[in-house]
Amino acid sequence: MPEKFKALASIGAWVLFIFAWIIGISLFIQGIINEDLYGTEPPPMEIWAGSAVALAFAVGSVVVMILRKKME
């Protein structure tokens, strides 16, 4: 495969990985500020949905890196 496809795969994997961290950390901070995480009631659905999106981004970055490695 051409080198530009490997470079694009690497950039895509890093973007997914960084967005996963940004979403995860911002949800955690927002949950603490709004007192949603450590209250007496269960956290709202937005926290769970955002965590699922962050996890999907992290898994997607791993999949992209595995595909990039197979391009060699």
C-alpha atoms as a PDB file:
ATOM      1  CA  MET A   1       0.000   0.000   0.000  1.00  0.00           C
ATOM      2  CA  PRO A   2       1.153   3.551  -0.584  1.00  0.00           C
ATOM      3  CA  GLU A   3       2.644   5.407   2.343  1.00  0.00           C
ATOM      4  CA  LYS A   4      -0.069   8.062   2.288  1.00  0.00           C
ATOM      5  CA  PHE A   5      -2.704   5.474   3.275  1.00  0.00           C
ATOM      6  CA  LYS A   6      -0.604   4.461   6.270  1.00  0.00           C
ATOM      7  CA  ALA A   7      -0.189   8.108   7.224  1.00  0.00           C
ATOM      8  CA  LEU A   8      -3.927   8.753   6.931  1.00  0.00           C
ATOM      9  CA  ALA A   9      -4.670   5.666   9.020  1.00  0.00           C
ATOM     10  CA  SER A  10      -2.235   6.843  11.698  1.00  0.00           C
ATOM     11  CA  ILE A  11      -3.749  10.328  11.759  1.00  0.00           C
ATOM     12  CA  GLY A  12      -7.260   8.880  11.938  1.00  0.00           C
ATOM     13  CA  ALA A  13      -6.324   6.565  14.796  1.00  0.00           C
ATOM     14  CA  TRP A  14      -4.727   9.383  16.777  1.00  0.00           C
ATOM     15  CA  VAL A  15      -7.723  11.659  16.211  1.00  0.00           C
ATOM     16  CA  LEU A  16     -10.096   8.952  17.443  1.00  0.00           C
ATOM     17  CA  PHE A  17      -7.877   8.244  20.447  1.00  0.00           C
ATOM     18  CA  ILE A  18      -7.597  11.918  21.420  1.00  0.00           C
ATOM     19  CA  PHE A  19     -11.347  12.502  21.011  1.00  0.00           C
ATOM     20  CA  ALA A  20     -12.034   9.457  23.187  1.00  0.00           C
ATOM     21  CA  TRP A  21      -9.925  10.976  25.984  1.00  0.00           C
ATOM     22  CA  ILE A  22     -11.443  14.433  25.556  1.00  0.00           C
ATOM     23  CA  ILE A  23     -15.001  13.107  25.690  1.00  0.00           C
ATOM     24  CA  GLY A  24     -14.258  10.828  28.642  1.00  0.00           C
ATOM     25  CA  ILE A  25     -12.497  13.441  30.741  1.00  0.00           C
ATOM     26  CA  SER A  26     -15.007  16.186  29.940  1.00  0.00           C
ATOM     27  CA  LEU A  27     -17.906  13.920  30.909  1.00  0.00           C
ATOM     28  CA  PHE A  28     -16.180  13.075  34.165  1.00  0.00           C
ATOM     29  CA  ILE A  29     -15.531  16.738  34.977  1.00  0.00           C
ATOM     30  CA  GLN A  30     -19.046  17.752  33.945  1.00  0.00           C
ATOM     31  CA  GLY A  31     -20.514  14.986  36.097  1.00  0.00           C
ATOM     32  CA  ILE A  32     -18.549  16.192  39.100  1.00  0.00           C
ATOM     33  CA  ILE A  33     -19.460  19.848  38.562  1.00  0.00           C
ATOM     34  CA  ASN A  34     -23.168  19.065  38.134  1.00  0.00           C
ATOM     35  CA  GLU A  35     -22.998  16.589  41.047  1.00  0.00           C
ATOM     36  CA  ASP A  36     -24.443  13.852  38.833  1.00  0.00           C
ATOM     37  CA  LEU A  37     -21.794  11.224  39.491  1.00  0.00           C
ATOM     38  CA  TYR A  38     -21.574  11.253  43.258  1.00  0.00           C
ATOM     39  CA  GLY A  39     -25.147  12.088  44.211  1.00  0.00           C
ATOM     40  CA  THR A  40     -27.790   9.861  45.716  1.00  0.00           C
ATOM     41  CA  GLU A  41     -29.585   9.384  42.396  1.00  0.00           C
ATOM     42  CA  PRO A  42     -28.175   7.375  39.492  1.00  0.00           C
ATOM     43  CA  PRO A  43     -26.343   9.359  36.808  1.00  0.00           C
ATOM     44  CA  PRO A  44     -28.432  10.659  33.892  1.00  0.00           C
ATOM     45  CA  MET A  45     -28.523   8.898  30.554  1.00  0.00           C
ATOM     46  CA  GLU A  46     -26.230  11.514  28.964  1.00  0.00           C
ATOM     47  CA  ILE A  47     -23.319  10.310  31.086  1.00  0.00           C
ATOM     48  CA  TRP A  48     -23.833   6.699  29.988  1.00  0.00           C
ATOM     49  CA  ALA A  49     -24.311   7.627  26.326  1.00  0.00           C
ATOM     50  CA  GLY A  50     -21.219   9.835  26.322  1.00  0.00           C
ATOM     51  CA  SER A  51     -19.185   7.101  27.969  1.00  0.00           C
ATOM     52  CA  ALA A  52     -20.352   4.666  25.297  1.00  0.00           C
ATOM     53  CA  VAL A  53     -19.298   7.108  22.568  1.00  0.00           C
ATOM     54  CA  ALA A  54     -15.883   7.587  24.195  1.00  0.00           C
ATOM     55  CA  LEU A  55     -15.437   3.818  24.437  1.00  0.00           C
ATOM     56  CA  ALA A  56     -16.491   3.393  20.806  1.00  0.00           C
ATOM     57  CA  PHE A  57     -13.917   5.994  19.736  1.00  0.00           C
ATOM     58  CA  ALA A  58     -11.204   4.204  21.719  1.00  0.00           C
ATOM     59  CA  VAL A  59     -12.108   0.828  20.216  1.00  0.00           C
ATOM     60  CA  GLY A  60     -12.254   2.421  16.770  1.00  0.00           C
ATOM     61  CA  SER A  61      -8.733   3.770  17.173  1.00  0.00           C
ATOM     62  CA  VAL A  62      -7.470   0.303  18.100  1.00  0.00           C
ATOM     63  CA  VAL A  63      -9.203  -1.214  15.071  1.00  0.00           C
ATOM     64  CA  VAL A  64      -7.706   1.411  12.769  1.00  0.00           C
ATOM     65  CA  MET A  65      -4.221   0.767  14.140  1.00  0.00           C
ATOM     66  CA  ILE A  66      -4.644  -2.992  13.645  1.00  0.00           C
ATOM     67  CA  LEU A  67      -5.729  -2.363  10.048  1.00  0.00           C
ATOM     68  CA  ARG A  68      -2.770  -0.031   9.564  1.00  0.00           C
ATOM     69  CA  LYS A  69      -0.401  -2.707  10.801  1.00  0.00           C
ATOM     70  CA  LYS A  70      -1.889  -5.182   8.312  1.00  0.00           C
ATOM     71  CA  MET A  71      -1.148  -2.719   5.481  1.00  0.00           C
ATOM     72  CA  GLU A  72       2.588  -3.332   5.905  1.00  0.00           C
END
